[in-house]
């Protein structure tokens, strides 16, 4: 497994108490056993996260719903692992789900990882969602400047000309100006 899997196991070891169930979920090669964890009642969150991550990284679409819920979790580390697995999953519903999370005004505090996932996916939904999110976060006093910065950086990576007016509007922003300049230079090179 990759670095994200090792990060996941290190993080969840304490939460799971190094239990036999924890070790079993890490070791099993049985996708049906992992899928059962996602639907069985009274399974702890750590068990569902391991099962969803492993299935998602293996391309098993049964993990999709659980991974989207984890992408919207208040714990940033859970969001990082979910985003990684969703990117590897390759489910065609992922861009739409990430866009819905990124643009949800009630969940802006948790939008950083959906924004980054949209950038990585380079889907048709990516640029419109990043633009919509950035547009409402451009006020200098907005507390979600990290999400706005991820939008600016993502729009620069995607180098879509539609983003030019918003990137220009971000230039005077004290925390976004440098990234906006870089993003605009990428548009010129594209």
Foldseek 3Di string as FASTA:
>chain_A
DDPLLVVLLVVCCVVVVVDPLSVCLVPDPDLVVLLVLCPDPPRDPSSVLSSLLVCLLVLNCSSVVVLLVQCLDPDVSSVVSSLVSPLNNPDPCLLVSLLCQLLPPVRVVSNQSSLLSLLVVLDPSNLVSLLNNLVVQLDLPRPSVNSNQSSLLSLLSSLDPVCLVSLVSNCVRPVRNVSSVSSVVSNVVD
